[in-house]
Amino acid sequence: MRIYTRSGDKGETSLIYGQRVAKNDIRVEAYGTCDEANSMIGLALSHLNHEDWTDKEAFLQTFQKIQTVLFHVGAELATPKGKDVMWKLKKEHIDELEKQIDEWDQSLEPLKNFILPSGHQASASLHLARTVVRRAERISVALEEELDNQLVVSYLNRLSDFLFVAARYVNRQLGGTETPLDPDV
């Protein structure tokens, strides 16, 4: 299988099942943004290569699953309405995010005000991934009527919350500093 096919040289690409659409089609924008978020998560995790803490392996395994499910979300977004989806997003995927959010959040200091994306490189990168997921969510909202699975938007919403808490958790584990928003600036 070659990496290049030349089939997109005129500004079109294929959805799953072969339907051709413009590369600026809202579906392409939505799943492309999920891909961008997935890459940002990978970048964030790469900042942990030389770090160590008690549950680092479990943390990385959780993220491996998250990245896989995010790929599945992209597949849902790339599948035309009424067609079978290769990997179907399930409510359990959202439940798993919520369970992990609650677990990590219990170990964190309660927030008293907004915080700025900061601290450890991995934490700041997770905040960036969170903002990319929020963009994917906003784009996907425009597709809701075209989606067979309405869980896509819910998953992206919850994933951004998950990434926020994960960023805070990494800062706590690795001694990163959370910078509170200064309301007087």
C-alpha atoms as a PDB file:
ATOM      1  CA  MET A   1       0.000   0.000   0.000  1.00  0.00           C
ATOM      2  CA  ARG A   2       1.483   3.330  -1.067  1.00  0.00           C
ATOM      3  CA  ILE A   3       1.203   6.407   1.121  1.00  0.00           C
ATOM      4  CA  TYR A   4       0.313   8.653  -1.787  1.00  0.00           C
ATOM      5  CA  THR A   5      -2.532   7.920  -4.182  1.00  0.00           C
ATOM      6  CA  ARG A   6      -2.804  11.238  -6.053  1.00  0.00           C
ATOM      7  CA  SER A   7      -6.599  10.930  -5.707  1.00  0.00           C
ATOM      8  CA  GLY A   8      -6.729  14.072  -3.560  1.00  0.00           C
ATOM      9  CA  ASP A   9      -4.688  16.286  -5.846  1.00  0.00           C
ATOM     10  CA  LYS A  10      -7.780  18.160  -7.034  1.00  0.00           C
ATOM     11  CA  GLY A  11      -9.085  18.978  -3.550  1.00  0.00           C
ATOM     12  CA  GLU A  12     -11.298  15.950  -2.953  1.00  0.00           C
ATOM     13  CA  THR A  13     -11.074  12.996  -0.624  1.00  0.00           C
ATOM     14  CA  SER A  14     -13.116   9.883   0.112  1.00  0.00           C
ATOM     15  CA  LEU A  15     -15.328   9.240   3.084  1.00  0.00           C
ATOM     16  CA  ILE A  16     -15.700   5.684   4.352  1.00  0.00           C
ATOM     17  CA  TYR A  17     -17.590   3.714   1.647  1.00  0.00           C
ATOM     18  CA  GLY A  18     -15.933   5.801  -1.056  1.00  0.00           C
ATOM     19  CA  GLN A  19     -18.188   8.850  -1.367  1.00  0.00           C
ATOM     20  CA  ARG A  20     -16.039  11.717  -2.720  1.00  0.00           C
ATOM     21  CA  VAL A  21     -16.273  15.091  -0.985  1.00  0.00           C
ATOM     22  CA  ALA A  22     -14.318  18.335  -1.034  1.00  0.00           C
ATOM     23  CA  LYS A  23     -11.436  18.446   1.422  1.00  0.00           C
ATOM     24  CA  ASN A  24     -13.097  21.422   3.092  1.00  0.00           C
ATOM     25  CA  ASP A  25     -16.343  19.461   3.659  1.00  0.00           C
ATOM     26  CA  ILE A  26     -17.587  19.796   7.243  1.00  0.00           C
ATOM     27  CA  ARG A  27     -17.183  16.032   7.778  1.00  0.00           C
ATOM     28  CA  VAL A  28     -13.543  16.178   6.713  1.00  0.00           C
ATOM     29  CA  GLU A  29     -13.025  19.181   8.968  1.00  0.00           C
ATOM     30  CA  ALA A  30     -14.592  17.287  11.901  1.00  0.00           C
ATOM     31  CA  TYR A  31     -12.620  14.060  11.576  1.00  0.00           C
ATOM     32  CA  GLY A  32      -9.479  15.969  10.641  1.00  0.00           C
ATOM     33  CA  THR A  33      -9.774  17.936  13.850  1.00  0.00           C
ATOM     34  CA  CYS A  34     -10.134  14.678  15.799  1.00  0.00           C
ATOM     35  CA  ASP A  35      -6.936  13.501  14.116  1.00  0.00           C
ATOM     36  CA  GLU A  36      -5.254  16.760  15.103  1.00  0.00           C
ATOM     37  CA  ALA A  37      -6.397  16.279  18.712  1.00  0.00           C
ATOM     38  CA  ASN A  38      -5.086  12.714  18.669  1.00  0.00           C
ATOM     39  CA  SER A  39      -1.704  13.968  17.486  1.00  0.00           C
ATOM     40  CA  MET A  40      -1.666  16.606  20.232  1.00  0.00           C
ATOM     41  CA  ILE A  41      -2.356  13.905  22.805  1.00  0.00           C
ATOM     42  CA  GLY A  42       0.556  11.916  21.376  1.00  0.00           C
ATOM     43  CA  LEU A  43       2.781  14.971  21.691  1.00  0.00           C
ATOM     44  CA  ALA A  44       1.693  15.478  25.298  1.00  0.00           C
ATOM     45  CA  LEU A  45       2.459  11.864  26.142  1.00  0.00           C
ATOM     46  CA  SER A  46       5.898  12.113  24.502  1.00  0.00           C
ATOM     47  CA  HIS A  47       6.794  14.701  27.175  1.00  0.00           C
ATOM     48  CA  LEU A  48       6.377  11.921  29.747  1.00  0.00           C
ATOM     49  CA  ASN A  49       9.058   9.637  28.247  1.00  0.00           C
ATOM     50  CA  HIS A  50      11.639  10.460  30.914  1.00  0.00           C
ATOM     51  CA  GLU A  51       9.242  11.051  33.775  1.00  0.00           C
ATOM     52  CA  ASP A  52       8.230   8.533  36.385  1.00  0.00           C
ATOM     53  CA  TRP A  53       5.495   8.246  38.982  1.00  0.00           C
ATOM     54  CA  THR A  54       3.630   5.410  40.664  1.00  0.00           C
ATOM     55  CA  ASP A  55       0.762   4.907  38.210  1.00  0.00           C
ATOM     56  CA  LYS A  56       2.420   6.216  35.033  1.00  0.00           C
ATOM     57  CA  GLU A  57       1.893   2.942  33.130  1.00  0.00           C
ATOM     58  CA  ALA A  58      -1.822   2.887  33.981  1.00  0.00           C
ATOM     59  CA  PHE A  59      -2.036   6.551  32.911  1.00  0.00           C
ATOM     60  CA  LEU A  60      -0.403   5.751  29.555  1.00  0.00           C
ATOM     61  CA  GLN A  61      -2.634   2.695  29.023  1.00  0.00           C
ATOM     62  CA  THR A  62      -5.690   4.859  29.680  1.00  0.00           C
ATOM     63  CA  PHE A  63      -4.486   7.280  27.029  1.00  0.00           C
ATOM     64  CA  GLN A  64      -3.762   4.513  24.534  1.00  0.00           C
ATOM     65  CA  LYS A  65      -7.418   3.545  24.795  1.00  0.00           C
ATOM     66  CA  ILE A  66      -8.506   7.199  24.570  1.00  0.00           C
ATOM     67  CA  GLN A  67      -6.477   7.669  21.384  1.00  0.00           C
ATOM     68  CA  THR A  68      -8.002   4.517  19.890  1.00  0.00           C
ATOM     69  CA  VAL A  69     -11.544   5.611  20.752  1.00  0.00           C
ATOM     70  CA  LEU A  70     -10.835   9.076  19.329  1.00  0.00           C
ATOM     71  CA  PHE A  71      -9.827   7.344  16.101  1.00  0.00           C
ATOM     72  CA  HIS A  72     -13.201   5.565  16.230  1.00  0.00           C
ATOM     73  CA  VAL A  73     -14.938   8.927  16.666  1.00  0.00           C
ATOM     74  CA  GLY A  74     -13.202  10.045  13.481  1.00  0.00           C
ATOM     75  CA  ALA A  75     -14.508   6.936  11.726  1.00  0.00           C
ATOM     76  CA  GLU A  76     -18.049   7.785  12.832  1.00  0.00           C
ATOM     77  CA  LEU A  77     -17.609  11.308  11.477  1.00  0.00           C
ATOM     78  CA  ALA A  78     -16.237   9.946   8.178  1.00  0.00           C
ATOM     79  CA  THR A  79     -19.137   7.516   7.669  1.00  0.00           C
ATOM     80  CA  PRO A  80     -22.119   8.806   5.667  1.00  0.00           C
ATOM     81  CA  LYS A  81     -25.500   8.685   7.400  1.00  0.00           C
ATOM     82  CA  GLY A  82     -27.256   5.344   7.077  1.00  0.00           C
ATOM     83  CA  LYS A  83     -24.068   3.326   6.516  1.00  0.00           C
ATOM     84  CA  ASP A  84     -22.602   0.817   8.948  1.00  0.00           C
ATOM     85  CA  VAL A  85     -19.830   2.250  11.100  1.00  0.00           C
ATOM     86  CA  MET A  86     -16.662   0.178  11.416  1.00  0.00           C
ATOM     87  CA  TRP A  87     -16.146   1.078  15.069  1.00  0.00           C
ATOM     88  CA  LYS A  88     -19.213   2.265  16.903  1.00  0.00           C
ATOM     89  CA  LEU A  89     -18.885   4.622  19.828  1.00  0.00           C
ATOM     90  CA  LYS A  90     -20.781   3.343  22.881  1.00  0.00           C
ATOM     91  CA  LYS A  91     -22.094   4.956  26.046  1.00  0.00           C
ATOM     92  CA  GLU A  92     -19.545   2.866  27.966  1.00  0.00           C
ATOM     93  CA  HIS A  93     -16.798   4.956  26.367  1.00  0.00           C
ATOM     94  CA  ILE A  94     -18.281   8.092  27.938  1.00  0.00           C
ATOM     95  CA  ASP A  95     -18.830   6.292  31.244  1.00  0.00           C
ATOM     96  CA  GLU A  96     -15.130   5.306  31.317  1.00  0.00           C
ATOM     97  CA  LEU A  97     -14.098   8.928  30.821  1.00  0.00           C
ATOM     98  CA  GLU A  98     -16.368  10.053  33.651  1.00  0.00           C
ATOM     99  CA  LYS A  99     -15.084   7.356  35.988  1.00  0.00           C
ATOM    100  CA  GLN A 100     -11.470   8.363  35.329  1.00  0.00           C
ATOM    101  CA  ILE A 101     -12.271  12.078  35.683  1.00  0.00           C
ATOM    102  CA  ASP A 102     -13.849  11.427  39.081  1.00  0.00           C
ATOM    103  CA  GLU A 103     -10.915   9.268  40.224  1.00  0.00           C
ATOM    104  CA  TRP A 104      -8.236  11.795  39.274  1.00  0.00           C
ATOM    105  CA  ASP A 105     -10.277  14.771  40.449  1.00  0.00           C
ATOM    106  CA  GLN A 106     -10.520  13.327  43.975  1.00  0.00           C
ATOM    107  CA  SER A 107      -6.725  13.557  44.268  1.00  0.00           C
ATOM    108  CA  LEU A 108      -6.581  17.208  43.151  1.00  0.00           C
ATOM    109  CA  GLU A 109      -6.971  20.433  45.070  1.00  0.00           C
ATOM    110  CA  PRO A 110     -10.423  21.883  44.429  1.00  0.00           C
ATOM    111  CA  LEU A 111     -10.358  24.786  42.006  1.00  0.00           C
ATOM    112  CA  LYS A 112     -11.058  28.186  43.534  1.00  0.00           C
ATOM    113  CA  ASN A 113     -10.669  30.112  40.283  1.00  0.00           C
ATOM    114  CA  PHE A 114      -9.775  29.586  36.651  1.00  0.00           C
ATOM    115  CA  ILE A 115      -6.269  28.383  35.837  1.00  0.00           C
ATOM    116  CA  LEU A 116      -4.085  29.165  32.862  1.00  0.00           C
ATOM    117  CA  PRO A 117      -2.687  26.319  30.752  1.00  0.00           C
ATOM    118  CA  SER A 118       0.751  25.962  32.314  1.00  0.00           C
ATOM    119  CA  GLY A 119       3.085  23.793  34.341  1.00  0.00           C
ATOM    120  CA  HIS A 120       4.799  20.692  33.058  1.00  0.00           C
ATOM    121  CA  GLN A 121       5.195  20.433  29.251  1.00  0.00           C
ATOM    122  CA  ALA A 122       2.916  17.394  29.195  1.00  0.00           C
ATOM    123  CA  SER A 123       0.265  19.276  31.149  1.00  0.00           C
ATOM    124  CA  ALA A 124       0.398  22.332  28.881  1.00  0.00           C
ATOM    125  CA  SER A 125       0.213  20.018  25.847  1.00  0.00           C
ATOM    126  CA  LEU A 126      -2.836  18.242  27.288  1.00  0.00           C
ATOM    127  CA  HIS A 127      -4.481  21.649  27.672  1.00  0.00           C
ATOM    128  CA  LEU A 128      -3.731  22.322  24.001  1.00  0.00           C
ATOM    129  CA  ALA A 129      -5.211  18.933  23.056  1.00  0.00           C
ATOM    130  CA  ARG A 130      -8.285  19.894  25.109  1.00  0.00           C
ATOM    131  CA  THR A 131      -8.807  23.018  23.041  1.00  0.00           C
ATOM    132  CA  VAL A 132      -8.484  21.042  19.810  1.00  0.00           C
ATOM    133  CA  VAL A 133     -11.087  18.557  21.089  1.00  0.00           C
ATOM    134  CA  ARG A 134     -13.392  21.498  21.897  1.00  0.00           C
ATOM    135  CA  ARG A 135     -13.013  22.645  18.284  1.00  0.00           C
ATOM    136  CA  ALA A 136     -13.813  19.127  17.050  1.00  0.00           C
ATOM    137  CA  GLU A 137     -16.898  19.205  19.268  1.00  0.00           C
ATOM    138  CA  ARG A 138     -18.044  22.563  17.857  1.00  0.00           C
ATOM    139  CA  ILE A 139     -17.590  21.336  14.298  1.00  0.00           C
ATOM    140  CA  SER A 140     -19.383  18.056  15.070  1.00  0.00           C
ATOM    141  CA  VAL A 141     -22.385  19.920  16.460  1.00  0.00           C
ATOM    142  CA  ALA A 142     -22.938  21.232  12.927  1.00  0.00           C
ATOM    143  CA  LEU A 143     -23.106  17.596  11.773  1.00  0.00           C
ATOM    144  CA  GLU A 144     -25.485  16.267  14.423  1.00  0.00           C
ATOM    145  CA  GLU A 145     -28.353  15.764  11.975  1.00  0.00           C
ATOM    146  CA  GLU A 146     -26.000  13.839   9.671  1.00  0.00           C
ATOM    147  CA  LEU A 147     -24.758  11.511  12.418  1.00  0.00           C
ATOM    148  CA  ASP A 148     -26.384   8.195  13.169  1.00  0.00           C
ATOM    149  CA  ASN A 149     -24.734   8.124  16.589  1.00  0.00           C
ATOM    150  CA  GLN A 150     -25.498  11.150  18.730  1.00  0.00           C
ATOM    151  CA  LEU A 151     -22.900  10.020  21.285  1.00  0.00           C
ATOM    152  CA  VAL A 152     -20.141  11.568  19.154  1.00  0.00           C
ATOM    153  CA  VAL A 153     -20.768  15.099  20.423  1.00  0.00           C
ATOM    154  CA  SER A 154     -21.214  13.868  24.013  1.00  0.00           C
ATOM    155  CA  TYR A 155     -17.948  11.942  23.848  1.00  0.00           C
ATOM    156  CA  LEU A 156     -16.019  14.943  22.549  1.00  0.00           C
ATOM    157  CA  ASN A 157     -17.549  17.122  25.256  1.00  0.00           C
ATOM    158  CA  ARG A 158     -16.538  14.686  27.974  1.00  0.00           C
ATOM    159  CA  LEU A 159     -13.102  14.122  26.437  1.00  0.00           C
ATOM    160  CA  SER A 160     -12.286  17.812  26.756  1.00  0.00           C
ATOM    161  CA  ASP A 161     -13.240  17.636  30.452  1.00  0.00           C
ATOM    162  CA  PHE A 162     -11.089  14.511  30.776  1.00  0.00           C
ATOM    163  CA  LEU A 163      -8.093  16.281  29.218  1.00  0.00           C
ATOM    164  CA  PHE A 164      -8.504  19.237  31.570  1.00  0.00           C
ATOM    165  CA  VAL A 165      -8.412  16.970  34.617  1.00  0.00           C
ATOM    166  CA  ALA A 166      -5.571  14.896  33.115  1.00  0.00           C
ATOM    167  CA  ALA A 167      -3.515  18.068  32.655  1.00  0.00           C
ATOM    168  CA  ARG A 168      -4.061  18.986  36.301  1.00  0.00           C
ATOM    169  CA  TYR A 169      -3.274  15.416  37.371  1.00  0.00           C
ATOM    170  CA  VAL A 170       0.031  15.423  35.459  1.00  0.00           C
ATOM    171  CA  ASN A 171       0.990  18.720  37.092  1.00  0.00           C
ATOM    172  CA  ARG A 172       0.278  17.222  40.507  1.00  0.00           C
ATOM    173  CA  GLN A 173       2.227  14.044  39.768  1.00  0.00           C
ATOM    174  CA  LEU A 174       5.264  15.854  38.369  1.00  0.00           C
ATOM    175  CA  GLY A 175       5.377  19.015  40.464  1.00  0.00           C
ATOM    176  CA  GLY A 176       4.118  21.334  37.743  1.00  0.00           C
ATOM    177  CA  THR A 177       2.685  24.636  38.868  1.00  0.00           C
ATOM    178  CA  GLU A 178      -0.892  25.643  38.133  1.00  0.00           C
ATOM    179  CA  THR A 179      -1.093  29.335  37.380  1.00  0.00           C
ATOM    180  CA  PRO A 180      -4.335  30.884  38.617  1.00  0.00           C
ATOM    181  CA  LEU A 181      -6.005  33.468  36.443  1.00  0.00           C
ATOM    182  CA  ASP A 182      -5.291  36.933  37.798  1.00  0.00           C
ATOM    183  CA  PRO A 183      -8.640  38.769  37.671  1.00  0.00           C
ATOM    184  CA  ASP A 184      -6.917  42.134  38.161  1.00  0.00           C
ATOM    185  CA  VAL A 185      -4.858  42.042  34.962  1.00  0.00           C
END
